[in-house]
Amino acid sequence: MSEPHTPAPLSAWQDFLARHAEGGALDGRVASVVPFGAFVEVADGIHGLLPSVEWTTRPEVGADIRVRVNVVDIDRRRMSLLPA
């Protein structure tokens, strides 16, 4: 997977959404942890936010994690995630 701050082009987001619907589960890797959540890379350059209120335990950077796609805002290239 790519570096944590390498943004994916819009075409990559469109391809991602063609393969993964909202509500679908997928595997990702924790790219960073901030006070309000964890950024999880679910595809090269595509990150979603798993809010800290959804954690049962604090995820570790680099950990593989299973998540569900909650909401995607493709125009802003943002995605919220839930635990799977």
PDB file of N, CA and C in Angstrom:
ATOM      1  N   MET A   1       0.848  -1.183   0.000  1.00  0.00           N
ATOM      2  CA  MET A   1       0.000   0.000   0.000  1.00  0.00           C
ATOM      3  C   MET A   1       0.890   1.241   0.000  1.00  0.00           C
ATOM      4  N   SER A   2       0.298   2.363  -0.313  1.00  0.00           N
ATOM      5  CA  SER A   2       1.078   3.582  -0.479  1.00  0.00           C
ATOM      6  C   SER A   2       1.400   4.242   0.858  1.00  0.00           C
ATOM      7  N   GLU A   3       2.178   5.319   0.783  1.00  0.00           N
ATOM      8  CA  GLU A   3       2.496   6.109   1.963  1.00  0.00           C
ATOM      9  C   GLU A   3       1.209   6.741   2.499  1.00  0.00           C
ATOM     10  N   PRO A   4       1.112   6.989   3.814  1.00  0.00           N
ATOM     11  CA  PRO A   4      -0.126   7.483   4.409  1.00  0.00           C
ATOM     12  C   PRO A   4      -0.671   8.777   3.833  1.00  0.00           C
ATOM     13  N   HIS A   5       0.172   9.665   3.320  1.00  0.00           N
ATOM     14  CA  HIS A   5      -0.330  10.956   2.871  1.00  0.00           C
ATOM     15  C   HIS A   5      -0.326  11.119   1.363  1.00  0.00           C
ATOM     16  N   THR A   6      -0.237  10.021   0.628  1.00  0.00           N
ATOM     17  CA  THR A   6      -0.290  10.089  -0.819  1.00  0.00           C
ATOM     18  C   THR A   6      -1.746   9.985  -1.255  1.00  0.00           C
ATOM     19  N   PRO A   7      -2.335  11.098  -1.720  1.00  0.00           N
ATOM     20  CA  PRO A   7      -3.751  11.033  -2.109  1.00  0.00           C
ATOM     21  C   PRO A   7      -3.946  10.267  -3.412  1.00  0.00           C
ATOM     22  N   ALA A   8      -5.000   9.508  -3.459  1.00  0.00           N
ATOM     23  CA  ALA A   8      -5.334   8.767  -4.675  1.00  0.00           C
ATOM     24  C   ALA A   8      -6.123   9.681  -5.611  1.00  0.00           C
ATOM     25  N   PRO A   9      -5.939   9.527  -6.914  1.00  0.00           N
ATOM     26  CA  PRO A   9      -6.722  10.326  -7.859  1.00  0.00           C
ATOM     27  C   PRO A   9      -8.195   9.927  -7.823  1.00  0.00           C
ATOM     28  N   LEU A  10      -9.040  10.798  -8.322  1.00  0.00           N
ATOM     29  CA  LEU A  10     -10.479  10.553  -8.343  1.00  0.00           C
ATOM     30  C   LEU A  10     -10.802   9.231  -9.033  1.00  0.00           C
ATOM     31  N   SER A  11     -10.078   8.904 -10.088  1.00  0.00           N
ATOM     32  CA  SER A  11     -10.347   7.656 -10.808  1.00  0.00           C
ATOM     33  C   SER A  11     -10.124   6.444  -9.907  1.00  0.00           C
ATOM     34  N   ALA A  12      -9.163   6.512  -9.000  1.00  0.00           N
ATOM     35  CA  ALA A  12      -8.928   5.407  -8.068  1.00  0.00           C
ATOM     36  C   ALA A  12     -10.096   5.274  -7.094  1.00  0.00           C
ATOM     37  N   TRP A  13     -10.637   6.405  -6.639  1.00  0.00           N
ATOM     38  CA  TRP A  13     -11.813   6.365  -5.757  1.00  0.00           C
ATOM     39  C   TRP A  13     -13.010   5.780  -6.500  1.00  0.00           C
ATOM     40  N   GLN A  14     -13.200   6.168  -7.746  1.00  0.00           N
ATOM     41  CA  GLN A  14     -14.312   5.639  -8.534  1.00  0.00           C
ATOM     42  C   GLN A  14     -14.175   4.137  -8.717  1.00  0.00           C
ATOM     43  N   ASP A  15     -12.968   3.678  -8.979  1.00  0.00           N
ATOM     44  CA  ASP A  15     -12.710   2.243  -9.114  1.00  0.00           C
ATOM     45  C   ASP A  15     -12.973   1.525  -7.791  1.00  0.00           C
ATOM     46  N   PHE A  16     -12.531   2.116  -6.706  1.00  0.00           N
ATOM     47  CA  PHE A  16     -12.765   1.533  -5.380  1.00  0.00           C
ATOM     48  C   PHE A  16     -14.267   1.377  -5.129  1.00  0.00           C
ATOM     49  N   LEU A  17     -15.027   2.426  -5.409  1.00  0.00           N
ATOM     50  CA  LEU A  17     -16.479   2.384  -5.165  1.00  0.00           C
ATOM     51  C   LEU A  17     -17.188   1.405  -6.087  1.00  0.00           C
ATOM     52  N   ALA A  18     -16.633   1.162  -7.261  1.00  0.00           N
ATOM     53  CA  ALA A  18     -17.230   0.178  -8.167  1.00  0.00           C
ATOM     54  C   ALA A  18     -17.082  -1.234  -7.605  1.00  0.00           C
ATOM     55  N   ARG A  19     -16.075  -1.433  -6.763  1.00  0.00           N
ATOM     56  CA  ARG A  19     -15.814  -2.760  -6.192  1.00  0.00           C
ATOM     57  C   ARG A  19     -16.292  -2.924  -4.754  1.00  0.00           C
ATOM     58  N   HIS A  20     -16.500  -1.795  -4.048  1.00  0.00           N
ATOM     59  CA  HIS A  20     -16.855  -1.866  -2.627  1.00  0.00           C
ATOM     60  C   HIS A  20     -18.025  -0.936  -2.336  1.00  0.00           C
ATOM     61  N   ALA A  21     -19.164  -1.508  -2.045  1.00  0.00           N
ATOM     62  CA  ALA A  21     -20.356  -0.711  -1.753  1.00  0.00           C
ATOM     63  C   ALA A  21     -20.362  -0.281  -0.296  1.00  0.00           C
ATOM     64  N   GLU A  22     -21.107   0.787  -0.005  1.00  0.00           N
ATOM     65  CA  GLU A  22     -21.296   1.185   1.378  1.00  0.00           C
ATOM     66  C   GLU A  22     -21.920   0.016   2.130  1.00  0.00           C
ATOM     67  N   GLY A  23     -21.408  -0.253   3.310  1.00  0.00           N
ATOM     68  CA  GLY A  23     -21.871  -1.376   4.113  1.00  0.00           C
ATOM     69  C   GLY A  23     -21.029  -2.619   3.937  1.00  0.00           C
ATOM     70  N   GLY A  24     -20.196  -2.650   2.893  1.00  0.00           N
ATOM     71  CA  GLY A  24     -19.360  -3.811   2.628  1.00  0.00           C
ATOM     72  C   GLY A  24     -18.142  -3.857   3.533  1.00  0.00           C
ATOM     73  N   ALA A  25     -17.708  -5.069   3.870  1.00  0.00           N
ATOM     74  CA  ALA A  25     -16.532  -5.253   4.718  1.00  0.00           C
ATOM     75  C   ALA A  25     -15.292  -5.460   3.866  1.00  0.00           C
ATOM     76  N   LEU A  26     -14.162  -4.992   4.362  1.00  0.00           N
ATOM     77  CA  LEU A  26     -12.894  -5.166   3.684  1.00  0.00           C
ATOM     78  C   LEU A  26     -11.750  -5.054   4.676  1.00  0.00           C
ATOM     79  N   ASP A  27     -10.583  -5.481   4.252  1.00  0.00           N
ATOM     80  CA  ASP A  27      -9.401  -5.420   5.095  1.00  0.00           C
ATOM     81  C   ASP A  27      -8.617  -4.161   4.781  1.00  0.00           C
ATOM     82  N   GLY A  28      -7.996  -3.596   5.810  1.00  0.00           N
ATOM     83  CA  GLY A  28      -7.162  -2.424   5.645  1.00  0.00           C
ATOM     84  C   GLY A  28      -6.013  -2.466   6.630  1.00  0.00           C
ATOM     85  N   ARG A  29      -5.207  -1.419   6.579  1.00  0.00           N
ATOM     86  CA  ARG A  29      -4.075  -1.310   7.492  1.00  0.00           C
ATOM     87  C   ARG A  29      -4.115   0.073   8.140  1.00  0.00           C
ATOM     88  N   VAL A  30      -3.946   0.109   9.452  1.00  0.00           N
ATOM     89  CA  VAL A  30      -3.971   1.370  10.180  1.00  0.00           C
ATOM     90  C   VAL A  30      -2.749   2.198   9.772  1.00  0.00           C
ATOM     91  N   ALA A  31      -3.014   3.374   9.195  1.00  0.00           N
ATOM     92  CA  ALA A  31      -1.943   4.250   8.721  1.00  0.00           C
ATOM     93  C   ALA A  31      -1.522   5.245   9.789  1.00  0.00           C
ATOM     94  N   SER A  32      -2.487   5.737  10.567  1.00  0.00           N
ATOM     95  CA  SER A  32      -2.170   6.674  11.641  1.00  0.00           C
ATOM     96  C   SER A  32      -3.321   6.691  12.633  1.00  0.00           C
ATOM     97  N   VAL A  33      -2.990   7.099  13.851  1.00  0.00           N
ATOM     98  CA  VAL A  33      -3.980   7.208  14.917  1.00  0.00           C
ATOM     99  C   VAL A  33      -3.915   8.636  15.446  1.00  0.00           C
ATOM    100  N   VAL A  34      -5.078   9.273  15.513  1.00  0.00           N
ATOM    101  CA  VAL A  34      -5.204  10.642  16.008  1.00  0.00           C
ATOM    102  C   VAL A  34      -6.232  10.636  17.126  1.00  0.00           C
ATOM    103  N   PRO A  35      -6.353  11.712  17.895  1.00  0.00           N
ATOM    104  CA  PRO A  35      -7.295  11.693  19.025  1.00  0.00           C
ATOM    105  C   PRO A  35      -8.742  11.342  18.649  1.00  0.00           C
ATOM    106  N   PHE A  36      -9.171  11.690  17.451  1.00  0.00           N
ATOM    107  CA  PHE A  36     -10.568  11.476  17.072  1.00  0.00           C
ATOM    108  C   PHE A  36     -10.796  10.207  16.260  1.00  0.00           C
ATOM    109  N   GLY A  37      -9.730   9.453  15.954  1.00  0.00           N
ATOM    110  CA  GLY A  37      -9.931   8.230  15.195  1.00  0.00           C
ATOM    111  C   GLY A  37      -8.648   7.663  14.623  1.00  0.00           C
ATOM    112  N   ALA A  38      -8.822   6.660  13.791  1.00  0.00           N
ATOM    113  CA  ALA A  38      -7.695   6.027  13.111  1.00  0.00           C
ATOM    114  C   ALA A  38      -7.931   6.095  11.617  1.00  0.00           C
ATOM    115  N   PHE A  39      -6.901   6.486  10.888  1.00  0.00           N
ATOM    116  CA  PHE A  39      -6.978   6.474   9.436  1.00  0.00           C
ATOM    117  C   PHE A  39      -6.514   5.111   8.959  1.00  0.00           C
ATOM    118  N   VAL A  40      -7.386   4.454   8.185  1.00  0.00           N
ATOM    119  CA  VAL A  40      -7.134   3.106   7.715  1.00  0.00           C
ATOM    120  C   VAL A  40      -7.015   3.138   6.196  1.00  0.00           C
ATOM    121  N   GLU A  41      -5.898   2.628   5.688  1.00  0.00           N
ATOM    122  CA  GLU A  41      -5.723   2.549   4.239  1.00  0.00           C
ATOM    123  C   GLU A  41      -6.383   1.263   3.761  1.00  0.00           C
ATOM    124  N   VAL A  42      -7.388   1.401   2.909  1.00  0.00           N
ATOM    125  CA  VAL A  42      -8.153   0.249   2.421  1.00  0.00           C
ATOM    126  C   VAL A  42      -7.793  -0.118   0.988  1.00  0.00           C
ATOM    127  N   ALA A  43      -7.064   0.754   0.314  1.00  0.00           N
ATOM    128  CA  ALA A  43      -6.528   0.523  -1.028  1.00  0.00           C
ATOM    129  C   ALA A  43      -5.401   1.524  -1.206  1.00  0.00           C
ATOM    130  N   ASP A  44      -4.570   1.344  -2.216  1.00  0.00           N
ATOM    131  CA  ASP A  44      -3.444   2.261  -2.417  1.00  0.00           C
ATOM    132  C   ASP A  44      -3.909   3.707  -2.463  1.00  0.00           C
ATOM    133  N   GLY A  45      -3.475   4.492  -1.482  1.00  0.00           N
ATOM    134  CA  GLY A  45      -3.800   5.911  -1.432  1.00  0.00           C
ATOM    135  C   GLY A  45      -5.212   6.239  -0.994  1.00  0.00           C
ATOM    136  N   ILE A  46      -6.013   5.235  -0.664  1.00  0.00           N
ATOM    137  CA  ILE A  46      -7.398   5.475  -0.249  1.00  0.00           C
ATOM    138  C   ILE A  46      -7.522   5.138   1.233  1.00  0.00           C
ATOM    139  N   HIS A  47      -7.813   6.193   2.008  1.00  0.00           N
ATOM    140  CA  HIS A  47      -7.917   6.064   3.456  1.00  0.00           C
ATOM    141  C   HIS A  47      -9.325   6.409   3.910  1.00  0.00           C
ATOM    142  N   GLY A  48      -9.736   5.764   4.969  1.00  0.00           N
ATOM    143  CA  GLY A  48     -10.997   6.087   5.610  1.00  0.00           C
ATOM    144  C   GLY A  48     -10.745   6.322   7.081  1.00  0.00           C
ATOM    145  N   LEU A  49     -11.671   6.997   7.725  1.00  0.00           N
ATOM    146  CA  LEU A  49     -11.556   7.290   9.148  1.00  0.00           C
ATOM    147  C   LEU A  49     -12.445   6.344   9.947  1.00  0.00           C
ATOM    148  N   LEU A  50     -11.837   5.646  10.875  1.00  0.00           N
ATOM    149  CA  LEU A  50     -12.549   4.833  11.852  1.00  0.00           C
ATOM    150  C   LEU A  50     -12.596   5.668  13.124  1.00  0.00           C
ATOM    151  N   PRO A  51     -13.765   6.287  13.438  1.00  0.00           N
ATOM    152  CA  PRO A  51     -13.843   7.193  14.584  1.00  0.00           C
ATOM    153  C   PRO A  51     -13.509   6.486  15.902  1.00  0.00           C
ATOM    154  N   SER A  52     -12.869   7.222  16.797  1.00  0.00           N
ATOM    155  CA  SER A  52     -12.459   6.641  18.079  1.00  0.00           C
ATOM    156  C   SER A  52     -13.648   6.155  18.902  1.00  0.00           C
ATOM    157  N   VAL A  53     -14.824   6.721  18.718  1.00  0.00           N
ATOM    158  CA  VAL A  53     -16.000   6.257  19.472  1.00  0.00           C
ATOM    159  C   VAL A  53     -16.406   4.843  19.061  1.00  0.00           C
ATOM    160  N   GLU A  54     -15.900   4.363  17.929  1.00  0.00           N
ATOM    161  CA  GLU A  54     -16.205   3.018  17.452  1.00  0.00           C
ATOM    162  C   GLU A  54     -15.196   1.969  17.926  1.00  0.00           C
ATOM    163  N   TRP A  55     -14.100   2.391  18.559  1.00  0.00           N
ATOM    164  CA  TRP A  55     -13.062   1.468  18.988  1.00  0.00           C
ATOM    165  C   TRP A  55     -13.489   0.691  20.221  1.00  0.00           C
ATOM    166  N   THR A  56     -13.138  -0.581  20.264  1.00  0.00           N
ATOM    167  CA  THR A  56     -13.221  -1.335  21.515  1.00  0.00           C
ATOM    168  C   THR A  56     -11.855  -1.311  22.175  1.00  0.00           C
ATOM    169  N   THR A  57     -10.807  -1.298  21.347  1.00  0.00           N
ATOM    170  CA  THR A  57      -9.430  -1.085  21.804  1.00  0.00           C
ATOM    171  C   THR A  57      -8.756  -0.172  20.800  1.00  0.00           C
ATOM    172  N   ARG A  58      -7.757   0.557  21.268  1.00  0.00           N
ATOM    173  CA  ARG A  58      -7.046   1.492  20.394  1.00  0.00           C
ATOM    174  C   ARG A  58      -6.219   0.709  19.380  1.00  0.00           C
ATOM    175  N   PRO A  59      -6.441   0.945  18.079  1.00  0.00           N
ATOM    176  CA  PRO A  59      -5.658   0.228  17.067  1.00  0.00           C
ATOM    177  C   PRO A  59      -4.217   0.730  17.022  1.00  0.00           C
ATOM    178  N   GLU A  60      -3.324  -0.143  16.648  1.00  0.00           N
ATOM    179  CA  GLU A  60      -1.910   0.201  16.528  1.00  0.00           C
ATOM    180  C   GLU A  60      -1.578   0.521  15.069  1.00  0.00           C
ATOM    181  N   VAL A  61      -0.728   1.510  14.862  1.00  0.00           N
ATOM    182  CA  VAL A  61      -0.269   1.848  13.513  1.00  0.00           C
ATOM    183  C   VAL A  61       0.403   0.620  12.904  1.00  0.00           C
ATOM    184  N   GLY A  62       0.027   0.305  11.682  1.00  0.00           N
ATOM    185  CA  GLY A  62       0.576  -0.841  10.974  1.00  0.00           C
ATOM    186  C   GLY A  62      -0.237  -2.113  11.135  1.00  0.00           C
ATOM    187  N   ALA A  63      -1.214  -2.094  12.039  1.00  0.00           N
ATOM    188  CA  ALA A  63      -2.027  -3.287  12.270  1.00  0.00           C
ATOM    189  C   ALA A  63      -3.012  -3.504  11.125  1.00  0.00           C
ATOM    190  N   ASP A  64      -3.199  -4.761  10.775  1.00  0.00           N
ATOM    191  CA  ASP A  64      -4.241  -5.119   9.822  1.00  0.00           C
ATOM    192  C   ASP A  64      -5.560  -5.117  10.566  1.00  0.00           C
ATOM    193  N   ILE A  65      -6.598  -4.606   9.916  1.00  0.00           N
ATOM    194  CA  ILE A  65      -7.890  -4.434  10.581  1.00  0.00           C
ATOM    195  C   ILE A  65      -9.015  -4.669   9.572  1.00  0.00           C
ATOM    196  N   ARG A  66     -10.099  -5.251  10.030  1.00  0.00           N
ATOM    197  CA  ARG A  66     -11.280  -5.472   9.180  1.00  0.00           C
ATOM    198  C   ARG A  66     -12.273  -4.367   9.501  1.00  0.00           C
ATOM    199  N   VAL A  67     -12.752  -3.699   8.458  1.00  0.00           N
ATOM    200  CA  VAL A  67     -13.680  -2.575   8.617  1.00  0.00           C
ATOM    201  C   VAL A  67     -14.831  -2.704   7.626  1.00  0.00           C
ATOM    202  N   ARG A  68     -15.864  -1.912   7.863  1.00  0.00           N
ATOM    203  CA  ARG A  68     -16.991  -1.791   6.930  1.00  0.00           C
ATOM    204  C   ARG A  68     -17.036  -0.354   6.434  1.00  0.00           C
ATOM    205  N   VAL A  69     -17.351  -0.202   5.167  1.00  0.00           N
ATOM    206  CA  VAL A  69     -17.516   1.133   4.589  1.00  0.00           C
ATOM    207  C   VAL A  69     -18.835   1.689   5.102  1.00  0.00           C
ATOM    208  N   ASN A  70     -18.779   2.842   5.757  1.00  0.00           N
ATOM    209  CA  ASN A  70     -19.989   3.451   6.298  1.00  0.00           C
ATOM    210  C   ASN A  70     -20.546   4.467   5.297  1.00  0.00           C
ATOM    211  N   VAL A  71     -19.845   5.554   5.089  1.00  0.00           N
ATOM    212  CA  VAL A  71     -20.288   6.613   4.173  1.00  0.00           C
ATOM    213  C   VAL A  71     -19.089   7.071   3.356  1.00  0.00           C
ATOM    214  N   VAL A  72     -19.312   7.296   2.064  1.00  0.00           N
ATOM    215  CA  VAL A  72     -18.251   7.787   1.180  1.00  0.00           C
ATOM    216  C   VAL A  72     -18.698   9.110   0.573  1.00  0.00           C
ATOM    217  N   ASP A  73     -17.821  10.092   0.643  1.00  0.00           N
ATOM    218  CA  ASP A  73     -18.024  11.377  -0.025  1.00  0.00           C
ATOM    219  C   ASP A  73     -16.943  11.454  -1.103  1.00  0.00           C
ATOM    220  N   ILE A  74     -17.275  10.988  -2.297  1.00  0.00           N
ATOM    221  CA  ILE A  74     -16.271  10.894  -3.362  1.00  0.00           C
ATOM    222  C   ILE A  74     -15.792  12.272  -3.810  1.00  0.00           C
ATOM    223  N   ASP A  75     -16.650  13.283  -3.756  1.00  0.00           N
ATOM    224  CA  ASP A  75     -16.239  14.623  -4.175  1.00  0.00           C
ATOM    225  C   ASP A  75     -15.123  15.165  -3.283  1.00  0.00           C
ATOM    226  N   ARG A  76     -15.200  14.859  -1.989  1.00  0.00           N
ATOM    227  CA  ARG A  76     -14.179  15.324  -1.036  1.00  0.00           C
ATOM    228  C   ARG A  76     -13.121  14.255  -0.772  1.00  0.00           C
ATOM    229  N   ARG A  77     -13.314  13.083  -1.395  1.00  0.00           N
ATOM    230  CA  ARG A  77     -12.419  11.940  -1.205  1.00  0.00           C
ATOM    231  C   ARG A  77     -12.255  11.616   0.280  1.00  0.00           C
ATOM    232  N   ARG A  78     -13.400  11.407   0.915  1.00  0.00           N
ATOM    233  CA  ARG A  78     -13.447  11.055   2.329  1.00  0.00           C
ATOM    234  C   ARG A  78     -14.343   9.848   2.521  1.00  0.00           C
ATOM    235  N   MET A  79     -13.997   9.071   3.530  1.00  0.00           N
ATOM    236  CA  MET A  79     -14.772   7.864   3.814  1.00  0.00           C
ATOM    237  C   MET A  79     -14.775   7.645   5.322  1.00  0.00           C
ATOM    238  N   SER A  80     -15.956   7.324   5.853  1.00  0.00           N
ATOM    239  CA  SER A  80     -16.021   6.930   7.252  1.00  0.00           C
ATOM    240  C   SER A  80     -16.188   5.419   7.299  1.00  0.00           C
ATOM    241  N   LEU A  81     -15.570   4.827   8.295  1.00  0.00           N
ATOM    242  CA  LEU A  81     -15.552   3.382   8.453  1.00  0.00           C
ATOM    243  C   LEU A  81     -16.163   2.980   9.786  1.00  0.00           C
ATOM    244  N   LEU A  82     -16.580   1.733   9.864  1.00  0.00           N
ATOM    245  CA  LEU A  82     -17.054   1.124  11.101  1.00  0.00           C
ATOM    246  C   LEU A  82     -16.303  -0.183  11.290  1.00  0.00           C
ATOM    247  N   PRO A  83     -16.217  -0.661  12.520  1.00  0.00           N
ATOM    248  CA  PRO A  83     -15.600  -1.981  12.717  1.00  0.00           C
ATOM    249  C   PRO A  83     -16.439  -3.048  12.014  1.00  0.00           C
ATOM    250  N   ALA A  84     -15.783  -4.064  11.494  1.00  0.00           N
ATOM    251  CA  ALA A  84     -16.501  -5.158  10.832  1.00  0.00           C
ATOM    252  C   ALA A  84     -16.684  -6.314  11.803  1.00  0.00           C
TER     253      ALA A  84
END
